[in-house]
PDB file of N, CA and C in Angstrom:
ATOM      1  N   ALA A   1      93.557  99.308  85.697  1.00  0.00           N
ATOM      2  CA  ALA A   1      92.437 100.057  86.241  1.00  0.00           C
ATOM      3  C   ALA A   1      91.399  99.101  86.803  1.00  0.00           C
ATOM      4  N   GLY A   2      90.707  99.586  87.772  1.00  0.00           N
ATOM      5  CA  GLY A   2      89.675  98.768  88.398  1.00  0.00           C
ATOM      6  C   GLY A   2      88.410  98.716  87.560  1.00  0.00           C
ATOM      7  N   PHE A   3      87.608  97.698  87.779  1.00  0.00           N
ATOM      8  CA  PHE A   3      86.353  97.546  87.051  1.00  0.00           C
ATOM      9  C   PHE A   3      85.242  98.175  87.860  1.00  0.00           C
ATOM     10  N   PRO A   4      84.292  98.882  87.349  1.00  0.00           N
ATOM     11  CA  PRO A   4      84.105  99.239  85.953  1.00  0.00           C
ATOM     12  C   PRO A   4      84.873 100.490  85.545  1.00  0.00           C
ATOM     13  N   ASN A   5      85.351 101.257  86.501  1.00  0.00           N
ATOM     14  CA  ASN A   5      86.145 102.439  86.159  1.00  0.00           C
ATOM     15  C   ASN A   5      87.017 102.806  87.359  1.00  0.00           C
ATOM     16  N   GLY A   6      87.914 103.704  87.155  1.00  0.00           N
ATOM     17  CA  GLY A   6      88.750 104.156  88.249  1.00  0.00           C
ATOM     18  C   GLY A   6      90.006 103.329  88.427  1.00  0.00           C
ATOM     19  N   ARG A   7      90.726 103.623  89.518  1.00  0.00           N
ATOM     20  CA  ARG A   7      91.983 102.939  89.802  1.00  0.00           C
ATOM     21  C   ARG A   7      91.835 102.068  91.029  1.00  0.00           C
ATOM     22  N   LYS A   8      92.625 101.012  91.063  1.00  0.00           N
ATOM     23  CA  LYS A   8      92.737 100.195  92.260  1.00  0.00           C
ATOM     24  C   LYS A   8      93.729 100.873  93.195  1.00  0.00           C
ATOM     25  N   LEU A   9      93.666 100.569  94.473  1.00  0.00           N
ATOM     26  CA  LEU A   9      94.570 101.190  95.431  1.00  0.00           C
ATOM     27  C   LEU A   9      96.028 100.870  95.135  1.00  0.00           C
ATOM     28  N   GLU A  10      96.305  99.714  94.568  1.00  0.00           N
ATOM     29  CA  GLU A  10      97.690  99.324  94.316  1.00  0.00           C
ATOM     30  C   GLU A  10      98.186  99.686  92.909  1.00  0.00           C
ATOM     31  N   ASP A  11      97.386 100.397  92.100  1.00  0.00           N
ATOM     32  CA  ASP A  11      97.831 100.811  90.770  1.00  0.00           C
ATOM     33  C   ASP A  11      99.032 101.752  90.881  1.00  0.00           C
ATOM     34  N   GLN A  12      99.881 101.733  89.878  1.00  0.00           N
ATOM     35  CA  GLN A  12     101.113 102.519  89.900  1.00  0.00           C
ATOM     36  C   GLN A  12     100.969 103.825  89.115  1.00  0.00           C
ATOM     37  N   ALA A  13      99.816 104.462  89.205  1.00  0.00           N
ATOM     38  CA  ALA A  13      99.553 105.676  88.430  1.00  0.00           C
ATOM     39  C   ALA A  13     100.518 106.802  88.793  1.00  0.00           C
ATOM     40  N   ILE A  14     100.792 107.002  90.069  1.00  0.00           N
ATOM     41  CA  ILE A  14     101.706 108.068  90.493  1.00  0.00           C
ATOM     42  C   ILE A  14     103.121 107.763  90.026  1.00  0.00           C
ATOM     43  N   ASP A  15     103.556 106.508  90.132  1.00  0.00           N
ATOM     44  CA  ASP A  15     104.895 106.127  89.678  1.00  0.00           C
ATOM     45  C   ASP A  15     105.075 106.426  88.192  1.00  0.00           C
ATOM     46  N   ILE A  16     104.083 106.076  87.391  1.00  0.00           N
ATOM     47  CA  ILE A  16     104.168 106.310  85.945  1.00  0.00           C
ATOM     48  C   ILE A  16     104.167 107.805  85.640  1.00  0.00           C
ATOM     49  N   THR A  17     103.324 108.567  86.322  1.00  0.00           N
ATOM     50  CA  THR A  17     103.259 110.012  86.107  1.00  0.00           C
ATOM     51  C   THR A  17     104.589 110.674  86.438  1.00  0.00           C
ATOM     52  N   LEU A  18     105.178 110.326  87.584  1.00  0.00           N
ATOM     53  CA  LEU A  18     106.465 110.910  87.963  1.00  0.00           C
ATOM     54  C   LEU A  18     107.569 110.505  86.995  1.00  0.00           C
ATOM     55  N   ALA A  19     107.546 109.279  86.521  1.00  0.00           N
ATOM     56  CA  ALA A  19     108.554 108.829  85.561  1.00  0.00           C
ATOM     57  C   ALA A  19     108.478 109.656  84.280  1.00  0.00           C
ATOM     58  N   VAL A  20     107.270 109.891  83.788  1.00  0.00           N
ATOM     59  CA  VAL A  20     107.101 110.667  82.559  1.00  0.00           C
ATOM     60  C   VAL A  20     107.538 112.113  82.773  1.00  0.00           C
ATOM     61  N   LEU A  21     107.242 112.683  83.940  1.00  0.00           N
ATOM     62  CA  LEU A  21     107.584 114.076  84.210  1.00  0.00           C
ATOM     63  C   LEU A  21     109.066 114.282  84.497  1.00  0.00           C
ATOM     64  N   LEU A  22     109.703 113.342  85.186  1.00  0.00           N
ATOM     65  CA  LEU A  22     111.050 113.572  85.700  1.00  0.00           C
ATOM     66  C   LEU A  22     112.170 112.917  84.896  1.00  0.00           C
ATOM     67  N   LEU A  23     111.874 111.909  84.101  1.00  0.00           N
ATOM     68  CA  LEU A  23     112.923 111.218  83.355  1.00  0.00           C
ATOM     69  C   LEU A  23     113.104 111.831  81.974  1.00  0.00           C
ATOM     70  N   ASP A  24     114.325 111.800  81.481  1.00  0.00           N
ATOM     71  CA  ASP A  24     114.597 112.168  80.097  1.00  0.00           C
ATOM     72  C   ASP A  24     114.169 110.986  79.239  1.00  0.00           C
ATOM     73  N   LEU A  25     113.044 111.108  78.563  1.00  0.00           N
ATOM     74  CA  LEU A  25     112.475 109.983  77.830  1.00  0.00           C
ATOM     75  C   LEU A  25     113.278 109.613  76.589  1.00  0.00           C
ATOM     76  N   ASN A  26     114.261 110.446  76.213  1.00  0.00           N
ATOM     77  CA  ASN A  26     115.165 110.065  75.131  1.00  0.00           C
ATOM     78  C   ASN A  26     116.187 109.042  75.608  1.00  0.00           C
ATOM     79  N   VAL A  27     116.387 108.961  76.925  1.00  0.00           N
ATOM     80  CA  VAL A  27     117.386 108.060  77.506  1.00  0.00           C
ATOM     81  C   VAL A  27     116.724 106.905  78.258  1.00  0.00           C
ATOM     82  N   HIS A  28     115.645 107.210  78.987  1.00  0.00           N
ATOM     83  CA  HIS A  28     115.011 106.227  79.862  1.00  0.00           C
ATOM     84  C   HIS A  28     113.584 105.939  79.413  1.00  0.00           C
ATOM     85  N   SER A  29     113.089 104.804  79.823  1.00  0.00           N
ATOM     86  CA  SER A  29     111.694 104.433  79.617  1.00  0.00           C
ATOM     87  C   SER A  29     110.919 104.772  80.888  1.00  0.00           C
ATOM     88  N   PRO A  30     109.631 105.123  80.790  1.00  0.00           N
ATOM     89  CA  PRO A  30     108.842 105.337  82.007  1.00  0.00           C
ATOM     90  C   PRO A  30     108.826 104.114  82.914  1.00  0.00           C
ATOM     91  N   ALA A  31     109.063 102.934  82.366  1.00  0.00           N
ATOM     92  CA  ALA A  31     109.069 101.715  83.178  1.00  0.00           C
ATOM     93  C   ALA A  31     110.302 101.617  84.074  1.00  0.00           C
ATOM     94  N   ASP A  32     111.304 102.490  83.871  1.00  0.00           N
ATOM     95  CA  ASP A  32     112.520 102.439  84.693  1.00  0.00           C
ATOM     96  C   ASP A  32     112.238 102.696  86.166  1.00  0.00           C
ATOM     97  N   LEU A  33     111.228 103.502  86.474  1.00  0.00           N
ATOM     98  CA  LEU A  33     110.914 103.797  87.875  1.00  0.00           C
ATOM     99  C   LEU A  33     109.911 102.831  88.476  1.00  0.00           C
ATOM    100  N   LEU A  34     109.268 102.011  87.656  1.00  0.00           N
ATOM    101  CA  LEU A  34     108.294 101.068  88.194  1.00  0.00           C
ATOM    102  C   LEU A  34     109.015 100.043  89.054  1.00  0.00           C
ATOM    103  N   GLY A  35     108.436  99.722  90.150  1.00  0.00           N
ATOM    104  CA  GLY A  35     109.066  98.778  91.059  1.00  0.00           C
ATOM    105  C   GLY A  35     109.915  99.446  92.119  1.00  0.00           C
ATOM    106  N   VAL A  36     110.096 100.770  92.031  1.00  0.00           N
ATOM    107  CA  VAL A  36     110.874 101.482  93.039  1.00  0.00           C
ATOM    108  C   VAL A  36     110.073 101.587  94.332  1.00  0.00           C
ATOM    109  N   SER A  37     108.789 101.839  94.214  1.00  0.00           N
ATOM    110  CA  SER A  37     107.944 101.949  95.403  1.00  0.00           C
ATOM    111  C   SER A  37     107.262 100.612  95.680  1.00  0.00           C
ATOM    112  N   GLN A  38     106.586 100.548  96.806  1.00  0.00           N
ATOM    113  CA  GLN A  38     105.892  99.316  97.168  1.00  0.00           C
ATOM    114  C   GLN A  38     104.735  99.056  96.215  1.00  0.00           C
ATOM    115  N   SER A  39     104.519  97.800  95.898  1.00  0.00           N
ATOM    116  CA  SER A  39     103.395  97.457  95.034  1.00  0.00           C
ATOM    117  C   SER A  39     102.277  96.760  95.798  1.00  0.00           C
ATOM    118  N   MET A  40     102.502  96.486  97.081  1.00  0.00           N
ATOM    119  CA  MET A  40     101.491  95.816  97.899  1.00  0.00           C
ATOM    120  C   MET A  40     101.423  96.478  99.271  1.00  0.00           C
ATOM    121  N   ASN A  41     100.315  96.330  99.915  1.00  0.00           N
ATOM    122  CA  ASN A  41     100.163  96.767 101.289  1.00  0.00           C
ATOM    123  C   ASN A  41     100.601  95.624 102.200  1.00  0.00           C
ATOM    124  N   ASP A  42     101.091  95.942 103.386  1.00  0.00           N
ATOM    125  CA  ASP A  42     101.515  94.880 104.304  1.00  0.00           C
ATOM    126  C   ASP A  42     100.335  94.180 104.965  1.00  0.00           C
ATOM    127  N   VAL A  43      99.161  94.795 104.911  1.00  0.00           N
ATOM    128  CA  VAL A  43      97.924  94.209 105.434  1.00  0.00           C
ATOM    129  C   VAL A  43      96.929  94.193 104.273  1.00  0.00           C
ATOM    130  N   PRO A  44      96.197  93.108 104.048  1.00  0.00           N
ATOM    131  CA  PRO A  44      95.266  93.061 102.909  1.00  0.00           C
ATOM    132  C   PRO A  44      94.217  94.174 102.976  1.00  0.00           C
ATOM    133  N   PHE A  45      93.847  94.697 101.804  1.00  0.00           N
ATOM    134  CA  PHE A  45      92.782  95.686 101.727  1.00  0.00           C
ATOM    135  C   PHE A  45      91.448  95.013 102.017  1.00  0.00           C
ATOM    136  N   ALA A  46      90.518  95.775 102.603  1.00  0.00           N
ATOM    137  CA  ALA A  46      89.179  95.252 102.876  1.00  0.00           C
ATOM    138  C   ALA A  46      88.391  95.168 101.565  1.00  0.00           C
ATOM    139  N   ASN A  47      87.411  94.300 101.509  1.00  0.00           N
ATOM    140  CA  ASN A  47      86.590  94.140 100.305  1.00  0.00           C
ATOM    141  C   ASN A  47      85.524  95.210 100.169  1.00  0.00           C
ATOM    142  N   GLY A  48      85.161  95.870 101.273  1.00  0.00           N
ATOM    143  CA  GLY A  48      84.130  96.900 101.242  1.00  0.00           C
ATOM    144  C   GLY A  48      84.650  98.206 101.803  1.00  0.00           C
ATOM    145  N   PHE A  49      83.796  99.216 101.775  1.00  0.00           N
ATOM    146  CA  PHE A  49      84.164 100.531 102.285  1.00  0.00           C
ATOM    147  C   PHE A  49      84.379 100.438 103.785  1.00  0.00           C
ATOM    148  N   HIS A  50      85.288 100.921 104.184  1.00  0.00           N
ATOM    149  CA  HIS A  50      86.584 101.567 104.194  1.00  0.00           C
ATOM    150  C   HIS A  50      87.626 100.567 103.733  1.00  0.00           C
ATOM    151  N   TYR A  51      88.180 100.794 102.562  1.00  0.00           N
ATOM    152  CA  TYR A  51      89.067  99.833 101.912  1.00  0.00           C
ATOM    153  C   TYR A  51      90.433  99.736 102.573  1.00  0.00           C
ATOM    154  N   LEU A  52      90.904 100.822 103.150  1.00  0.00           N
ATOM    155  CA  LEU A  52      92.235 100.824 103.746  1.00  0.00           C
ATOM    156  C   LEU A  52      92.223 100.112 105.087  1.00  0.00           C
ATOM    157  N   ALA A  53      93.304  99.442 105.380  1.00  0.00           N
ATOM    158  CA  ALA A  53      93.442  98.758 106.668  1.00  0.00           C
ATOM    159  C   ALA A  53      93.644  99.795 107.770  1.00  0.00           C
ATOM    160  N   PRO A  54      93.266  99.475 109.007  1.00  0.00           N
ATOM    161  CA  PRO A  54      93.502 100.411 110.108  1.00  0.00           C
ATOM    162  C   PRO A  54      95.000 100.673 110.280  1.00  0.00           C
ATOM    163  N   PRO A  55      95.377 101.877 110.709  1.00  0.00           N
ATOM    164  CA  PRO A  55      96.801 102.164 110.919  1.00  0.00           C
ATOM    165  C   PRO A  55      97.365 101.308 112.042  1.00  0.00           C
ATOM    166  N   HIS A  56      98.642 101.022 111.942  1.00  0.00           N
ATOM    167  CA  HIS A  56      99.296 100.247 112.999  1.00  0.00           C
ATOM    168  C   HIS A  56     100.701 100.737 113.218  1.00  0.00           C
TER     169      HIS A  56
END
C-alpha cells in the first residue's frame, strides 16, 4: 500500500481479489495468480497529478 494510505497504481489488489474469489483455496494459494498480469507500466508514472502516462 502507498504511504500514508491507499494503493499504488502498480499494486496487485485486483489480482489478489480475483484469486481469492475464483480459485479453490483448498487446492491453490491466492499467490498462484500473482505475476499473471503486468506488474509495471511501459512508461514511468508521473510523480504528481495526473499520475498516468499519456496514451500512446
